[in-house]
PDB file of N, CA and C in Angstrom:
ATOM      1  N   MET A   1      36.363  18.077   0.220  1.00  0.00           N
ATOM      2  CA  MET A   1      34.951  18.453  -0.088  1.00  0.00           C
ATOM      3  C   MET A   1      33.562  17.236   0.549  1.00  0.00           C
ATOM      4  N   MET A   2      32.642  17.931   0.930  1.00  0.00           N
ATOM      5  CA  MET A   2      31.800  17.278   1.552  1.00  0.00           C
ATOM      6  C   MET A   2      30.521  16.742   0.458  1.00  0.00           C
ATOM      7  N   ARG A   3      30.190  15.594   0.313  1.00  0.00           N
ATOM      8  CA  ARG A   3      28.825  15.430  -0.750  1.00  0.00           C
ATOM      9  C   ARG A   3      27.824  15.266   0.029  1.00  0.00           C
ATOM     10  N   TYR A   4      26.654  15.437  -0.496  1.00  0.00           N
ATOM     11  CA  TYR A   4      25.395  16.030  -0.007  1.00  0.00           C
ATOM     12  C   TYR A   4      25.049  14.242   0.265  1.00  0.00           C
ATOM     13  N   GLY A   5      24.561  13.869   1.951  1.00  0.00           N
ATOM     14  CA  GLY A   5      23.919  12.993   2.278  1.00  0.00           C
ATOM     15  C   GLY A   5      24.943  12.160   2.568  1.00  0.00           C
ATOM     16  N   ASP A   6      24.761  10.622   3.278  1.00  0.00           N
ATOM     17  CA  ASP A   6      25.398  10.027   3.724  1.00  0.00           C
ATOM     18  C   ASP A   6      25.072   8.583   3.234  1.00  0.00           C
ATOM     19  N   GLY A   7      25.024   8.203   1.609  1.00  0.00           N
ATOM     20  CA  GLY A   7      25.255   7.126   1.082  1.00  0.00           C
ATOM     21  C   GLY A   7      23.597   6.205   1.546  1.00  0.00           C
ATOM     22  N   GLY A   8      22.833   7.116   2.106  1.00  0.00           N
ATOM     23  CA  GLY A   8      21.561   6.288   1.980  1.00  0.00           C
ATOM     24  C   GLY A   8      21.019   5.532   0.794  1.00  0.00           C
ATOM     25  N   VAL A   9      19.555   5.353   1.312  1.00  0.00           N
ATOM     26  CA  VAL A   9      19.322   4.211   0.261  1.00  0.00           C
ATOM     27  C   VAL A   9      18.223   5.199  -1.296  1.00  0.00           C
ATOM     28  N   GLY A  10      18.200   6.254  -0.836  1.00  0.00           N
ATOM     29  CA  GLY A  10      17.469   7.343  -1.504  1.00  0.00           C
ATOM     30  C   GLY A  10      15.792   7.124  -1.872  1.00  0.00           C
ATOM     31  N   TRP A  11      15.681   7.588  -3.216  1.00  0.00           N
ATOM     32  CA  TRP A  11      13.858   7.708  -3.472  1.00  0.00           C
ATOM     33  C   TRP A  11      13.656   6.322  -3.671  1.00  0.00           C
ATOM     34  N   GLY A  12      14.464   5.547  -4.138  1.00  0.00           N
ATOM     35  CA  GLY A  12      13.706   4.124  -4.675  1.00  0.00           C
ATOM     36  C   GLY A  12      13.886   3.356  -3.374  1.00  0.00           C
ATOM     37  N   GLY A  13      14.658   3.020  -2.416  1.00  0.00           N
ATOM     38  CA  GLY A  13      14.647   2.779  -1.277  1.00  0.00           C
ATOM     39  C   GLY A  13      13.495   3.097  -0.781  1.00  0.00           C
ATOM     40  N   TRP A  14      13.037   4.471  -0.374  1.00  0.00           N
ATOM     41  CA  TRP A  14      11.962   4.652   0.739  1.00  0.00           C
ATOM     42  C   TRP A  14      10.368   4.020  -0.191  1.00  0.00           C
ATOM     43  N   ILE A  15      10.337   4.046  -1.310  1.00  0.00           N
ATOM     44  CA  ILE A  15       9.329   3.487  -1.841  1.00  0.00           C
ATOM     45  C   ILE A  15       9.295   2.210  -2.063  1.00  0.00           C
ATOM     46  N   ALA A  16      10.388   1.237  -2.180  1.00  0.00           N
ATOM     47  CA  ALA A  16      10.297  -0.065  -1.976  1.00  0.00           C
ATOM     48  C   ALA A  16       9.964  -0.704  -0.304  1.00  0.00           C
ATOM     49  N   MET A  17      10.400   0.505   0.741  1.00  0.00           N
ATOM     50  CA  MET A  17      10.233  -0.101   1.977  1.00  0.00           C
ATOM     51  C   MET A  17       8.541   0.309   2.214  1.00  0.00           C
ATOM     52  N   VAL A  18       8.056   1.176   1.668  1.00  0.00           N
ATOM     53  CA  VAL A  18       6.418   1.904   1.890  1.00  0.00           C
ATOM     54  C   VAL A  18       5.836   0.489   1.441  1.00  0.00           C
ATOM     55  N   ALA A  19       6.007   0.513   0.376  1.00  0.00           N
ATOM     56  CA  ALA A  19       5.240  -0.991  -0.416  1.00  0.00           C
ATOM     57  C   ALA A  19       5.706  -2.319   0.259  1.00  0.00           C
ATOM     58  N   MET A  20       6.431  -2.706   1.009  1.00  0.00           N
ATOM     59  CA  MET A  20       6.569  -3.806   1.691  1.00  0.00           C
ATOM     60  C   MET A  20       6.008  -3.902   2.843  1.00  0.00           C
ATOM     61  N   MET A  21       6.041  -2.418   2.995  1.00  0.00           N
ATOM     62  CA  MET A  21       5.108  -2.124   4.642  1.00  0.00           C
ATOM     63  C   MET A  21       3.698  -2.556   4.230  1.00  0.00           C
ATOM     64  N   VAL A  22       3.384  -1.802   3.607  1.00  0.00           N
ATOM     65  CA  VAL A  22       1.778  -2.043   2.831  1.00  0.00           C
ATOM     66  C   VAL A  22       1.359  -3.192   2.499  1.00  0.00           C
ATOM     67  N   VAL A  23       2.399  -4.340   2.053  1.00  0.00           N
ATOM     68  CA  VAL A  23       2.257  -5.620   1.527  1.00  0.00           C
ATOM     69  C   VAL A  23       2.177  -6.484   2.876  1.00  0.00           C
ATOM     70  N   PHE A  24       2.951  -6.170   3.576  1.00  0.00           N
ATOM     71  CA  PHE A  24       3.070  -6.660   5.245  1.00  0.00           C
ATOM     72  C   PHE A  24       2.051  -6.598   6.096  1.00  0.00           C
ATOM     73  N   TRP A  25       1.403  -5.538   6.608  1.00  0.00           N
ATOM     74  CA  TRP A  25      -0.181  -4.887   6.962  1.00  0.00           C
ATOM     75  C   TRP A  25      -1.491  -5.657   6.237  1.00  0.00           C
ATOM     76  N   GLY A  26      -1.270  -5.628   4.993  1.00  0.00           N
ATOM     77  CA  GLY A  26      -2.049  -6.520   4.320  1.00  0.00           C
ATOM     78  C   GLY A  26      -2.413  -7.939   4.182  1.00  0.00           C
ATOM     79  N   ALA A  27      -1.183  -8.706   4.341  1.00  0.00           N
ATOM     80  CA  ALA A  27      -1.194  -9.672   4.446  1.00  0.00           C
ATOM     81  C   ALA A  27      -1.688 -10.226   6.263  1.00  0.00           C
ATOM     82  N   ILE A  28      -1.312  -9.522   7.414  1.00  0.00           N
ATOM     83  CA  ILE A  28      -1.317  -9.388   8.619  1.00  0.00           C
ATOM     84  C   ILE A  28      -3.449  -9.501   8.803  1.00  0.00           C
ATOM     85  N   ALA A  29      -3.597  -8.729   7.858  1.00  0.00           N
ATOM     86  CA  ALA A  29      -5.047  -7.981   7.725  1.00  0.00           C
ATOM     87  C   ALA A  29      -6.427  -9.354   7.181  1.00  0.00           C
ATOM     88  N   TRP A  30      -5.482  -9.922   6.021  1.00  0.00           N
ATOM     89  CA  TRP A  30      -6.224 -11.117   5.482  1.00  0.00           C
ATOM     90  C   TRP A  30      -6.178 -12.038   6.223  1.00  0.00           C
ATOM     91  N   VAL A  31      -4.950 -12.429   7.098  1.00  0.00           N
ATOM     92  CA  VAL A  31      -4.950 -13.538   7.985  1.00  0.00           C
ATOM     93  C   VAL A  31      -5.869 -13.284   9.090  1.00  0.00           C
ATOM     94  N   ILE A  32      -6.253 -12.334   9.770  1.00  0.00           N
ATOM     95  CA  ILE A  32      -7.082 -11.629  10.540  1.00  0.00           C
ATOM     96  C   ILE A  32      -8.381 -11.806  10.030  1.00  0.00           C
ATOM     97  N   VAL A  33      -9.067 -11.560   9.053  1.00  0.00           N
ATOM     98  CA  VAL A  33     -10.215 -11.466   8.111  1.00  0.00           C
ATOM     99  C   VAL A  33     -10.516 -13.132   7.915  1.00  0.00           C
ATOM    100  N   THR A  34      -9.761 -13.676   7.302  1.00  0.00           N
ATOM    101  CA  THR A  34      -9.882 -15.047   6.923  1.00  0.00           C
ATOM    102  C   THR A  34     -10.084 -16.265   7.911  1.00  0.00           C
ATOM    103  N   LEU A  35      -9.611 -15.699   9.612  1.00  0.00           N
ATOM    104  CA  LEU A  35      -9.640 -16.404  10.715  1.00  0.00           C
ATOM    105  C   LEU A  35     -11.007 -16.063  11.248  1.00  0.00           C
ATOM    106  N   ILE A  36     -11.675 -14.817  11.171  1.00  0.00           N
ATOM    107  CA  ILE A  36     -13.161 -14.371  11.466  1.00  0.00           C
ATOM    108  C   ILE A  36     -14.019 -14.903  10.949  1.00  0.00           C
ATOM    109  N   ARG A  37     -14.063 -15.079   9.463  1.00  0.00           N
ATOM    110  CA  ARG A  37     -14.824 -15.559   8.446  1.00  0.00           C
ATOM    111  C   ARG A  37     -15.027 -17.240   8.705  1.00  0.00           C
ATOM    112  N   ARG A  38     -14.111 -18.073   8.931  1.00  0.00           N
ATOM    113  CA  ARG A  38     -14.135 -19.169   8.646  1.00  0.00           C
ATOM    114  C   ARG A  38     -15.127 -19.540   9.634  1.00  0.00           C
ATOM    115  N   PRO A  39     -15.502 -21.035   9.516  1.00  0.00           N
ATOM    116  CA  PRO A  39     -16.880 -21.237  10.228  1.00  0.00           C
ATOM    117  C   PRO A  39     -16.668 -22.005  11.303  1.00  0.00           C
ATOM    118  N   SER A  40     -17.194 -22.151  12.300  1.00  0.00           N
ATOM    119  CA  SER A  40     -17.019 -22.678  13.565  1.00  0.00           C
ATOM    120  C   SER A  40     -17.024 -24.293  13.470  1.00  0.00           C
ATOM    121  N   SER A  41     -16.032 -25.090  14.103  1.00  0.00           N
ATOM    122  CA  SER A  41     -16.102 -26.434  13.797  1.00  0.00           C
ATOM    123  C   SER A  41     -17.600 -27.099  14.187  1.00  0.00           C
ATOM    124  N   GLY A  42     -18.674 -26.382  15.089  1.00  0.00           N
ATOM    125  CA  GLY A  42     -19.598 -27.243  15.344  1.00  0.00           C
ATOM    126  C   GLY A  42     -20.929 -26.913  14.129  1.00  0.00           C
ATOM    127  N   ALA A  43     -20.953 -25.782  13.410  1.00  0.00           N
ATOM    128  CA  ALA A  43     -21.943 -25.311  12.735  1.00  0.00           C
ATOM    129  C   ALA A  43     -21.673 -26.126  11.343  1.00  0.00           C
ATOM    130  N   PRO A  44     -22.592 -26.731  10.639  1.00  0.00           N
ATOM    131  CA  PRO A  44     -22.323 -27.354   9.331  1.00  0.00           C
ATOM    132  C   PRO A  44     -22.024 -26.452   8.719  1.00  0.00           C
ATOM    133  N   GLY A  45     -21.138 -26.820   7.703  1.00  0.00           N
ATOM    134  CA  GLY A  45     -20.740 -26.228   6.130  1.00  0.00           C
ATOM    135  C   GLY A  45     -22.150 -26.318   5.254  1.00  0.00           C
ATOM    136  N   PRO A  46     -21.785 -25.638   3.904  1.00  0.00           N
ATOM    137  CA  PRO A  46     -22.614 -25.742   3.060  1.00  0.00           C
ATOM    138  C   PRO A  46     -22.869 -27.039   2.465  1.00  0.00           C
ATOM    139  N   ALA A  47     -21.996 -27.991   2.457  1.00  0.00           N
ATOM    140  CA  ALA A  47     -21.905 -29.412   1.885  1.00  0.00           C
ATOM    141  C   ALA A  47     -22.714 -29.903   2.899  1.00  0.00           C
ATOM    142  N   GLU A  48     -22.430 -29.896   4.223  1.00  0.00           N
ATOM    143  CA  GLU A  48     -22.852 -30.326   4.811  1.00  0.00           C
ATOM    144  C   GLU A  48     -24.198 -30.412   5.508  1.00  0.00           C
ATOM    145  N   ARG A  49     -25.350 -29.672   4.735  1.00  0.00           N
ATOM    146  CA  ARG A  49     -26.703 -29.165   5.473  1.00  0.00           C
ATOM    147  C   ARG A  49     -27.360 -30.597   4.913  1.00  0.00           C
ATOM    148  N   ALA A  50     -28.547 -30.433   5.696  1.00  0.00           N
ATOM    149  CA  ALA A  50     -29.397 -31.901   5.678  1.00  0.00           C
ATOM    150  C   ALA A  50     -30.103 -31.831   4.243  1.00  0.00           C
ATOM    151  N   PRO A  51     -30.239 -33.134   3.784  1.00  0.00           N
ATOM    152  CA  PRO A  51     -30.776 -33.159   2.147  1.00  0.00           C
ATOM    153  C   PRO A  51     -31.965 -32.668   2.370  1.00  0.00           C
ATOM    154  N   SER A  52     -32.390 -31.888   1.066  1.00  0.00           N
ATOM    155  CA  SER A  52     -34.080 -31.466   0.817  1.00  0.00           C
ATOM    156  C   SER A  52     -34.830 -32.718   1.244  1.00  0.00           C
ATOM    157  N   PRO A  53     -36.183 -32.547   1.556  1.00  0.00           N
ATOM    158  CA  PRO A  53     -37.304 -33.757   1.804  1.00  0.00           C
ATOM    159  C   PRO A  53     -37.491 -33.982   0.517  1.00  0.00           C
ATOM    160  N   PRO A  54     -37.647 -35.684   0.205  1.00  0.00           N
ATOM    161  CA  PRO A  54     -38.178 -35.987  -1.213  1.00  0.00           C
ATOM    162  C   PRO A  54     -39.216 -35.286  -2.081  1.00  0.00           C
ATOM    163  N   LEU A  55     -40.051 -35.063  -1.137  1.00  0.00           N
ATOM    164  CA  LEU A  55     -41.075 -34.432  -1.909  1.00  0.00           C
ATOM    165  C   LEU A  55     -40.635 -32.920  -2.765  1.00  0.00           C
ATOM    166  N   GLN A  56     -39.760 -32.261  -1.987  1.00  0.00           N
ATOM    167  CA  GLN A  56     -39.443 -30.879  -2.654  1.00  0.00           C
ATOM    168  C   GLN A  56     -38.703 -31.453  -3.590  1.00  0.00           C
ATOM    169  N   ILE A  57     -37.673 -32.470  -3.875  1.00  0.00           N
ATOM    170  CA  ILE A  57     -36.919 -32.801  -4.737  1.00  0.00           C
ATOM    171  C   ILE A  57     -37.892 -32.953  -5.998  1.00  0.00           C
ATOM    172  N   LEU A  58     -38.882 -34.024  -5.706  1.00  0.00           N
ATOM    173  CA  LEU A  58     -39.929 -34.141  -6.781  1.00  0.00           C
ATOM    174  C   LEU A  58     -40.489 -33.019  -7.118  1.00  0.00           C
ATOM    175  N   ASP A  59     -40.981 -31.929  -6.555  1.00  0.00           N
ATOM    176  CA  ASP A  59     -41.379 -30.933  -7.238  1.00  0.00           C
ATOM    177  C   ASP A  59     -40.455 -29.974  -8.082  1.00  0.00           C
ATOM    178  N   GLU A  60     -38.989 -30.086  -7.470  1.00  0.00           N
ATOM    179  CA  GLU A  60     -37.973 -29.163  -7.983  1.00  0.00           C
ATOM    180  C   GLU A  60     -37.923 -29.949  -9.971  1.00  0.00           C
ATOM    181  N   ARG A  61     -38.144 -31.287  -9.568  1.00  0.00           N
ATOM    182  CA  ARG A  61     -37.660 -32.087 -10.760  1.00  0.00           C
ATOM    183  C   ARG A  61     -38.718 -31.737 -11.985  1.00  0.00           C
ATOM    184  N   TYR A  62     -39.895 -31.754 -11.256  1.00  0.00           N
ATOM    185  CA  TYR A  62     -41.146 -31.546 -12.108  1.00  0.00           C
ATOM    186  C   TYR A  62     -41.253 -30.411 -12.774  1.00  0.00           C
ATOM    187  N   ALA A  63     -40.840 -29.081 -11.844  1.00  0.00           N
ATOM    188  CA  ALA A  63     -40.787 -27.603 -12.417  1.00  0.00           C
ATOM    189  C   ALA A  63     -39.403 -27.419 -13.533  1.00  0.00           C
ATOM    190  N   ARG A  64     -38.642 -28.124 -13.282  1.00  0.00           N
ATOM    191  CA  ARG A  64     -37.592 -27.955 -14.357  1.00  0.00           C
ATOM    192  C   ARG A  64     -38.018 -28.714 -15.583  1.00  0.00           C
ATOM    193  N   GLY A  65     -38.875 -29.842 -15.444  1.00  0.00           N
ATOM    194  CA  GLY A  65     -39.206 -30.648 -16.879  1.00  0.00           C
ATOM    195  C   GLY A  65     -38.359 -31.537 -17.313  1.00  0.00           C
ATOM    196  N   GLU A  66     -37.749 -32.057 -15.757  1.00  0.00           N
ATOM    197  CA  GLU A  66     -37.269 -33.632 -15.882  1.00  0.00           C
ATOM    198  C   GLU A  66     -38.390 -34.857 -15.810  1.00  0.00           C
ATOM    199  N   ILE A  67     -39.531 -34.272 -15.325  1.00  0.00           N
ATOM    200  CA  ILE A  67     -40.014 -35.872 -15.445  1.00  0.00           C
ATOM    201  C   ILE A  67     -41.926 -34.848 -15.601  1.00  0.00           C
ATOM    202  N   ASP A  68     -42.588 -36.008 -16.668  1.00  0.00           N
ATOM    203  CA  ASP A  68     -43.639 -36.135 -16.837  1.00  0.00           C
ATOM    204  C   ASP A  68     -44.757 -35.649 -15.909  1.00  0.00           C
ATOM    205  N   ASP A  69     -46.477 -35.556 -16.371  1.00  0.00           N
ATOM    206  CA  ASP A  69     -47.450 -35.307 -15.020  1.00  0.00           C
ATOM    207  C   ASP A  69     -47.476 -36.698 -14.728  1.00  0.00           C
ATOM    208  N   GLU A  70     -47.518 -38.033 -15.573  1.00  0.00           N
ATOM    209  CA  GLU A  70     -47.766 -39.038 -14.938  1.00  0.00           C
ATOM    210  C   GLU A  70     -46.842 -39.345 -14.175  1.00  0.00           C
ATOM    211  N   GLU A  71     -45.512 -39.465 -13.999  1.00  0.00           N
ATOM    212  CA  GLU A  71     -44.372 -39.692 -13.653  1.00  0.00           C
ATOM    213  C   GLU A  71     -44.665 -39.359 -11.983  1.00  0.00           C
ATOM    214  N   TYR A  72     -44.716 -37.650 -12.337  1.00  0.00           N
ATOM    215  CA  TYR A  72     -44.715 -36.859 -11.301  1.00  0.00           C
ATOM    216  C   TYR A  72     -46.048 -37.666  -9.978  1.00  0.00           C
ATOM    217  N   GLN A  73     -47.215 -37.924 -10.830  1.00  0.00           N
ATOM    218  CA  GLN A  73     -48.349 -38.019  -9.873  1.00  0.00           C
ATOM    219  C   GLN A  73     -47.839 -39.664  -9.658  1.00  0.00           C
ATOM    220  N   ARG A  74     -47.680 -40.323 -10.039  1.00  0.00           N
ATOM    221  CA  ARG A  74     -47.317 -42.030  -9.587  1.00  0.00           C
ATOM    222  C   ARG A  74     -46.186 -41.829  -8.584  1.00  0.00           C
ATOM    223  N   ARG A  75     -45.433 -40.714  -8.606  1.00  0.00           N
ATOM    224  CA  ARG A  75     -43.991 -41.038  -7.446  1.00  0.00           C
ATOM    225  C   ARG A  75     -44.595 -40.406  -6.330  1.00  0.00           C
ATOM    226  N   ARG A  76     -45.466 -39.048  -6.697  1.00  0.00           N
ATOM    227  CA  ARG A  76     -45.824 -38.503  -5.306  1.00  0.00           C
ATOM    228  C   ARG A  76     -47.296 -39.312  -4.527  1.00  0.00           C
ATOM    229  N   ALA A  77     -47.662 -40.330  -5.372  1.00  0.00           N
ATOM    230  CA  ALA A  77     -48.523 -40.603  -4.699  1.00  0.00           C
ATOM    231  C   ALA A  77     -47.173 -42.060  -3.868  1.00  0.00           C
ATOM    232  N   VAL A  78     -46.392 -42.357  -4.366  1.00  0.00           N
ATOM    233  CA  VAL A  78     -45.615 -43.423  -3.439  1.00  0.00           C
ATOM    234  C   VAL A  78     -45.115 -42.685  -2.193  1.00  0.00           C
ATOM    235  N   LEU A  79     -44.379 -41.610  -2.521  1.00  0.00           N
ATOM    236  CA  LEU A  79     -43.699 -40.854  -1.419  1.00  0.00           C
ATOM    237  C   LEU A  79     -44.863 -40.785  -0.380  1.00  0.00           C
ATOM    238  N   ARG A  80     -46.547 -40.452  -0.841  1.00  0.00           N
ATOM    239  CA  ARG A  80     -46.916 -40.076   0.575  1.00  0.00           C
ATOM    240  C   ARG A  80     -47.475 -40.933   1.449  1.00  0.00           C
ATOM    241  N   GLY A  81     -47.494 -42.517   0.374  1.00  0.00           N
ATOM    242  CA  GLY A  81     -48.161 -43.835   0.542  1.00  0.00           C
ATOM    243  C   GLY A  81     -49.322 -43.677   0.640  1.00  0.00           C
ATOM    244  N   ASP A  82     -50.050 -43.256  -0.601  1.00  0.00           N
ATOM    245  CA  ASP A  82     -51.088 -43.184  -1.314  1.00  0.00           C
ATOM    246  C   ASP A  82     -51.368 -44.323  -2.569  1.00  0.00           C
ATOM    247  N   THR A  83     -50.769 -45.715  -2.460  1.00  0.00           N
ATOM    248  CA  THR A  83     -50.832 -46.519  -3.259  1.00  0.00           C
ATOM    249  C   THR A  83     -51.859 -46.992  -3.419  1.00  0.00           C
TER     250      THR A  83
END
């Protein structure tokens, strides 16, 4: 008497193999995208950019309300050299 099939892995095995193939190719795609998006060594990253000019920082502090009018005018005069 012959039985059906030859002792293969069945449906569960095929589903597992397909899932592993998707994971494999997904990992390959993730590595490629990560390498492409990585900034080049010559370009400065976000933390390495030049700081803002002092007057711009002073204006931002004044706009946020960290300093009052008198202190703003005094520091602005010092930075401009209008002492």
